[in-house]
Every structure is written in C-alpha cells, then in structure tokens.
Amino acid sequence: NALPAEVPDGFAERLAATLTTLRAT
C-alpha cells in the first residue's frame, strides 16, 4: 500500500488486482 513513485504506468492497479484475485482464491 506504499509503492515507490518510480513504477510503470498502471503498475499499482495491476498489483492491487493481483492481490484481490489472490485473496479471493
């Protein structure tokens, strides 16, 4: 929940979606 500023566009959203999928699974 505190990623660095220097990440590719959309990375934070993809990471959040991956975590949501993981928790649901």
PDB file of all heavy atoms in Angstrom:
ATOM      1  N   ASN A   1       0.815  -1.218   0.000  1.00  0.00           N
ATOM      2  CA  ASN A   1       0.000   0.000   0.000  1.00  0.00           C
ATOM      3  C   ASN A   1       0.848   1.268   0.000  1.00  0.00           C
ATOM      4  O   ASN A   1       0.331   2.367   0.213  1.00  0.00           O
ATOM      5  CB  ASN A   1      -0.951   0.005   1.200  1.00  0.00           C
ATOM      6  CG  ASN A   1      -0.212  -0.009   2.522  1.00  0.00           C
ATOM      7  OD1 ASN A   1       1.017  -0.091   2.561  1.00  0.00           O
ATOM      8  ND2 ASN A   1      -0.955   0.072   3.621  1.00  0.00           N
ATOM      9  N   ALA A   2       2.142   1.135  -0.212  1.00  0.00           N
ATOM     10  CA  ALA A   2       3.038   2.294  -0.271  1.00  0.00           C
ATOM     11  C   ALA A   2       4.155   2.029  -1.267  1.00  0.00           C
ATOM     12  O   ALA A   2       5.331   1.957  -0.924  1.00  0.00           O
ATOM     13  CB  ALA A   2       3.608   2.602   1.119  1.00  0.00           C
ATOM     14  N   LEU A   3       3.783   1.887  -2.518  1.00  0.00           N
ATOM     15  CA  LEU A   3       4.748   1.602  -3.578  1.00  0.00           C
ATOM     16  C   LEU A   3       5.586   2.839  -3.878  1.00  0.00           C
ATOM     17  O   LEU A   3       5.154   3.969  -3.645  1.00  0.00           O
ATOM     18  CB  LEU A   3       4.018   1.151  -4.844  1.00  0.00           C
ATOM     19  CG  LEU A   3       3.226  -0.149  -4.752  1.00  0.00           C
ATOM     20  CD1 LEU A   3       2.448  -0.372  -6.045  1.00  0.00           C
ATOM     21  CD2 LEU A   3       4.144  -1.323  -4.470  1.00  0.00           C
ATOM     22  N   PRO A   4       6.787   2.642  -4.421  1.00  0.00           N
ATOM     23  CA  PRO A   4       7.609   3.798  -4.792  1.00  0.00           C
ATOM     24  C   PRO A   4       6.979   4.558  -5.956  1.00  0.00           C
ATOM     25  O   PRO A   4       6.138   4.033  -6.687  1.00  0.00           O
ATOM     26  CB  PRO A   4       8.941   3.157  -5.204  1.00  0.00           C
ATOM     27  CG  PRO A   4       8.567   1.780  -5.638  1.00  0.00           C
ATOM     28  CD  PRO A   4       7.452   1.366  -4.741  1.00  0.00           C
ATOM     29  N   ALA A   5       7.400   5.797  -6.125  1.00  0.00           N
ATOM     30  CA  ALA A   5       6.843   6.623  -7.202  1.00  0.00           C
ATOM     31  C   ALA A   5       7.284   6.129  -8.571  1.00  0.00           C
ATOM     32  O   ALA A   5       6.544   6.250  -9.554  1.00  0.00           O
ATOM     33  CB  ALA A   5       7.269   8.078  -7.003  1.00  0.00           C
ATOM     34  N   GLU A   6       8.488   5.540  -8.641  1.00  0.00           N
ATOM     35  CA  GLU A   6       9.054   5.138  -9.926  1.00  0.00           C
ATOM     36  C   GLU A   6       8.594   3.737 -10.321  1.00  0.00           C
ATOM     37  O   GLU A   6       9.362   2.771 -10.287  1.00  0.00           O
ATOM     38  CB  GLU A   6      10.579   5.185  -9.887  1.00  0.00           C
ATOM     39  CG  GLU A   6      11.155   6.520  -9.472  1.00  0.00           C
ATOM     40  CD  GLU A   6      11.313   6.645  -7.970  1.00  0.00           C
ATOM     41  OE1 GLU A   6      10.832   5.763  -7.225  1.00  0.00           O
ATOM     42  OE2 GLU A   6      11.927   7.624  -7.536  1.00  0.00           O
ATOM     43  N   VAL A   7       7.325   3.609 -10.692  1.00  0.00           N
ATOM     44  CA  VAL A   7       6.787   2.346 -11.211  1.00  0.00           C
ATOM     45  C   VAL A   7       6.138   2.629 -12.561  1.00  0.00           C
ATOM     46  O   VAL A   7       5.747   3.763 -12.841  1.00  0.00           O
ATOM     47  CB  VAL A   7       5.754   1.716 -10.237  1.00  0.00           C
ATOM     48  CG1 VAL A   7       6.414   1.290  -8.934  1.00  0.00           C
ATOM     49  CG2 VAL A   7       4.590   2.651  -9.988  1.00  0.00           C
ATOM     50  N   PRO A   8       6.024   1.610 -13.421  1.00  0.00           N
ATOM     51  CA  PRO A   8       5.390   1.829 -14.734  1.00  0.00           C
ATOM     52  C   PRO A   8       3.929   2.254 -14.583  1.00  0.00           C
ATOM     53  O   PRO A   8       3.275   1.970 -13.577  1.00  0.00           O
ATOM     54  CB  PRO A   8       5.496   0.450 -15.410  1.00  0.00           C
ATOM     55  CG  PRO A   8       6.594  -0.247 -14.688  1.00  0.00           C
ATOM     56  CD  PRO A   8       6.533   0.237 -13.276  1.00  0.00           C
ATOM     57  N   ASP A   9       3.411   2.916 -15.601  1.00  0.00           N
ATOM     58  CA  ASP A   9       2.002   3.315 -15.610  1.00  0.00           C
ATOM     59  C   ASP A   9       1.115   2.090 -15.425  1.00  0.00           C
ATOM     60  O   ASP A   9       1.311   1.064 -16.085  1.00  0.00           O
ATOM     61  CB  ASP A   9       1.647   4.002 -16.929  1.00  0.00           C
ATOM     62  CG  ASP A   9       2.310   5.356 -17.080  1.00  0.00           C
ATOM     63  OD1 ASP A   9       2.740   5.920 -16.057  1.00  0.00           O
ATOM     64  OD2 ASP A   9       2.396   5.842 -18.230  1.00  0.00           O
ATOM     65  N   GLY A  10       0.160   2.204 -14.525  1.00  0.00           N
ATOM     66  CA  GLY A  10      -0.788   1.120 -14.300  1.00  0.00           C
ATOM     67  C   GLY A  10      -0.299   0.024 -13.390  1.00  0.00           C
ATOM     68  O   GLY A  10      -1.048  -0.907 -13.081  1.00  0.00           O
ATOM     69  N   PHE A  11       0.950   0.097 -12.935  1.00  0.00           N
ATOM     70  CA  PHE A  11       1.502  -0.988 -12.113  1.00  0.00           C
ATOM     71  C   PHE A  11       0.758  -1.145 -10.791  1.00  0.00           C
ATOM     72  O   PHE A  11       0.447  -2.260 -10.376  1.00  0.00           O
ATOM     73  CB  PHE A  11       2.990  -0.749 -11.846  1.00  0.00           C
ATOM     74  CG  PHE A  11       3.632  -1.829 -11.020  1.00  0.00           C
ATOM     75  CD1 PHE A  11       4.026  -3.030 -11.609  1.00  0.00           C
ATOM     76  CD2 PHE A  11       3.822  -1.668  -9.659  1.00  0.00           C
ATOM     77  CE1 PHE A  11       4.606  -4.034 -10.856  1.00  0.00           C
ATOM     78  CE2 PHE A  11       4.404  -2.669  -8.897  1.00  0.00           C
ATOM     79  CZ  PHE A  11       4.792  -3.856  -9.493  1.00  0.00           C
ATOM     80  N   ALA A  12       0.478  -0.033 -10.118  1.00  0.00           N
ATOM     81  CA  ALA A  12      -0.204  -0.102  -8.825  1.00  0.00           C
ATOM     82  C   ALA A  12      -1.573  -0.762  -8.974  1.00  0.00           C
ATOM     83  O   ALA A  12      -1.980  -1.578  -8.124  1.00  0.00           O
ATOM     84  CB  ALA A  12      -0.341   1.293  -8.220  1.00  0.00           C
ATOM     85  N   GLU A  13      -2.291  -0.423 -10.039  1.00  0.00           N
ATOM     86  CA  GLU A  13      -3.612  -1.009 -10.259  1.00  0.00           C
ATOM     87  C   GLU A  13      -3.518  -2.503 -10.548  1.00  0.00           C
ATOM     88  O   GLU A  13      -4.342  -3.297 -10.066  1.00  0.00           O
ATOM     89  CB  GLU A  13      -4.313  -0.294 -11.420  1.00  0.00           C
ATOM     90  CG  GLU A  13      -4.686   1.150 -11.139  1.00  0.00           C
ATOM     91  CD  GLU A  13      -3.521   2.117 -11.230  1.00  0.00           C
ATOM     92  OE1 GLU A  13      -2.430   1.719 -11.700  1.00  0.00           O
ATOM     93  OE2 GLU A  13      -3.697   3.281 -10.821  1.00  0.00           O
ATOM     94  N   ARG A  14      -2.512  -2.902 -11.317  1.00  0.00           N
ATOM     95  CA  ARG A  14      -2.327  -4.330 -11.620  1.00  0.00           C
ATOM     96  C   ARG A  14      -1.955  -5.107 -10.365  1.00  0.00           C
ATOM     97  O   ARG A  14      -2.434  -6.223 -10.144  1.00  0.00           O
ATOM     98  CB  ARG A  14      -1.254  -4.497 -12.691  1.00  0.00           C
ATOM     99  CG  ARG A  14      -1.689  -4.050 -14.076  1.00  0.00           C
ATOM    100  CD  ARG A  14      -0.530  -4.001 -15.053  1.00  0.00           C
ATOM    101  NE  ARG A  14       0.309  -5.167 -14.961  1.00  0.00           N
ATOM    102  CZ  ARG A  14       1.645  -5.116 -14.939  1.00  0.00           C
ATOM    103  NH1 ARG A  14       2.281  -3.950 -14.972  1.00  0.00           N
ATOM    104  NH2 ARG A  14       2.342  -6.228 -14.855  1.00  0.00           N
ATOM    105  N   LEU A  15      -1.104  -4.509  -9.544  1.00  0.00           N
ATOM    106  CA  LEU A  15      -0.712  -5.168  -8.299  1.00  0.00           C
ATOM    107  C   LEU A  15      -1.917  -5.338  -7.382  1.00  0.00           C
ATOM    108  O   LEU A  15      -2.114  -6.405  -6.790  1.00  0.00           O
ATOM    109  CB  LEU A  15       0.373  -4.353  -7.594  1.00  0.00           C
ATOM    110  CG  LEU A  15       1.008  -5.021  -6.374  1.00  0.00           C
ATOM    111  CD1 LEU A  15       1.929  -6.159  -6.807  1.00  0.00           C
ATOM    112  CD2 LEU A  15       1.791  -4.000  -5.557  1.00  0.00           C
ATOM    113  N   ALA A  16      -2.748  -4.301  -7.285  1.00  0.00           N
ATOM    114  CA  ALA A  16      -3.941  -4.383  -6.446  1.00  0.00           C
ATOM    115  C   ALA A  16      -4.900  -5.451  -6.960  1.00  0.00           C
ATOM    116  O   ALA A  16      -5.484  -6.212  -6.170  1.00  0.00           O
ATOM    117  CB  ALA A  16      -4.635  -3.019  -6.400  1.00  0.00           C
ATOM    118  N   ALA A  17      -5.052  -5.535  -8.279  1.00  0.00           N
ATOM    119  CA  ALA A  17      -5.936  -6.553  -8.857  1.00  0.00           C
ATOM    120  C   ALA A  17      -5.395  -7.953  -8.598  1.00  0.00           C
ATOM    121  O   ALA A  17      -6.158  -8.887  -8.315  1.00  0.00           O
ATOM    122  CB  ALA A  17      -6.086  -6.314 -10.359  1.00  0.00           C
ATOM    123  N   THR A  18      -4.078  -8.107  -8.678  1.00  0.00           N
ATOM    124  CA  THR A  18      -3.454  -9.401  -8.404  1.00  0.00           C
ATOM    125  C   THR A  18      -3.691  -9.817  -6.958  1.00  0.00           C
ATOM    126  O   THR A  18      -4.022 -10.975  -6.676  1.00  0.00           O
ATOM    127  CB  THR A  18      -1.941  -9.332  -8.692  1.00  0.00           C
ATOM    128  OG1 THR A  18      -1.751  -9.015 -10.066  1.00  0.00           O
ATOM    129  CG2 THR A  18      -1.266 -10.661  -8.395  1.00  0.00           C
ATOM    130  N   LEU A  19      -3.552  -8.885  -6.038  1.00  0.00           N
ATOM    131  CA  LEU A  19      -3.795  -9.179  -4.623  1.00  0.00           C
ATOM    132  C   LEU A  19      -5.250  -9.542  -4.363  1.00  0.00           C
ATOM    133  O   LEU A  19      -5.542 -10.451  -3.584  1.00  0.00           O
ATOM    134  CB  LEU A  19      -3.393  -7.975  -3.762  1.00  0.00           C
ATOM    135  CG  LEU A  19      -1.904  -7.828  -3.466  1.00  0.00           C
ATOM    136  CD1 LEU A  19      -1.627  -6.476  -2.821  1.00  0.00           C
ATOM    137  CD2 LEU A  19      -1.419  -8.957  -2.565  1.00  0.00           C
ATOM    138  N   THR A  20      -6.155  -8.843  -5.024  1.00  0.00           N
ATOM    139  CA  THR A  20      -7.583  -9.145  -4.869  1.00  0.00           C
ATOM    140  C   THR A  20      -7.879 -10.564  -5.342  1.00  0.00           C
ATOM    141  O   THR A  20      -8.590 -11.324  -4.678  1.00  0.00           O
ATOM    142  CB  THR A  20      -8.430  -8.133  -5.660  1.00  0.00           C
ATOM    143  OG1 THR A  20      -8.210  -6.823  -5.125  1.00  0.00           O
ATOM    144  CG2 THR A  20      -9.906  -8.482  -5.565  1.00  0.00           C
ATOM    145  N   THR A  21      -7.318 -10.926  -6.487  1.00  0.00           N
ATOM    146  CA  THR A  21      -7.505 -12.280  -7.011  1.00  0.00           C
ATOM    147  C   THR A  21      -6.915 -13.319  -6.070  1.00  0.00           C
ATOM    148  O   THR A  21      -7.525 -14.360  -5.802  1.00  0.00           O
ATOM    149  CB  THR A  21      -6.850 -12.409  -8.402  1.00  0.00           C
ATOM    150  OG1 THR A  21      -7.459 -11.472  -9.290  1.00  0.00           O
ATOM    151  CG2 THR A  21      -7.000 -13.812  -8.955  1.00  0.00           C
ATOM    152  N   LEU A  22      -5.725 -13.042  -5.549  1.00  0.00           N
ATOM    153  CA  LEU A  22      -5.059 -13.969  -4.643  1.00  0.00           C
ATOM    154  C   LEU A  22      -5.876 -14.193  -3.385  1.00  0.00           C
ATOM    155  O   LEU A  22      -6.086 -15.331  -2.956  1.00  0.00           O
ATOM    156  CB  LEU A  22      -3.676 -13.428  -4.286  1.00  0.00           C
ATOM    157  CG  LEU A  22      -2.895 -14.191  -3.208  1.00  0.00           C
ATOM    158  CD1 LEU A  22      -2.660 -15.625  -3.624  1.00  0.00           C
ATOM    159  CD2 LEU A  22      -1.580 -13.487  -2.917  1.00  0.00           C
ATOM    160  N   ARG A  23      -6.360 -13.115  -2.785  1.00  0.00           N
ATOM    161  CA  ARG A  23      -7.141 -13.241  -1.546  1.00  0.00           C
ATOM    162  C   ARG A  23      -8.443 -13.982  -1.788  1.00  0.00           C
ATOM    163  O   ARG A  23      -8.861 -14.809  -0.975  1.00  0.00           O
ATOM    164  CB  ARG A  23      -7.398 -11.853  -0.964  1.00  0.00           C
ATOM    165  CG  ARG A  23      -6.136 -11.201  -0.400  1.00  0.00           C
ATOM    166  CD  ARG A  23      -6.417  -9.816   0.142  1.00  0.00           C
ATOM    167  NE  ARG A  23      -5.250  -9.278   0.821  1.00  0.00           N
ATOM    168  CZ  ARG A  23      -4.726  -8.092   0.571  1.00  0.00           C
ATOM    169  NH1 ARG A  23      -5.261  -7.314  -0.347  1.00  0.00           N
ATOM    170  NH2 ARG A  23      -3.668  -7.667   1.246  1.00  0.00           N
ATOM    171  N   ALA A  24      -9.093 -13.713  -2.922  1.00  0.00           N
ATOM    172  CA  ALA A  24     -10.346 -14.398  -3.241  1.00  0.00           C
ATOM    173  C   ALA A  24     -10.104 -15.887  -3.459  1.00  0.00           C
ATOM    174  O   ALA A  24     -10.896 -16.732  -3.017  1.00  0.00           O
ATOM    175  CB  ALA A  24     -10.981 -13.773  -4.480  1.00  0.00           C
ATOM    176  N   THR A  25      -9.002 -16.217  -4.132  1.00  0.00           N
ATOM    177  CA  THR A  25      -8.674 -17.617  -4.388  1.00  0.00           C
ATOM    178  C   THR A  25      -8.403 -18.350  -3.074  1.00  0.00           C
ATOM    179  O   THR A  25      -8.889 -19.472  -2.859  1.00  0.00           O
ATOM    180  CB  THR A  25      -7.438 -17.725  -5.300  1.00  0.00           C
ATOM    181  OG1 THR A  25      -7.736 -17.092  -6.544  1.00  0.00           O
ATOM    182  CG2 THR A  25      -7.072 -19.176  -5.553  1.00  0.00           C
TER     183      THR A  25
END
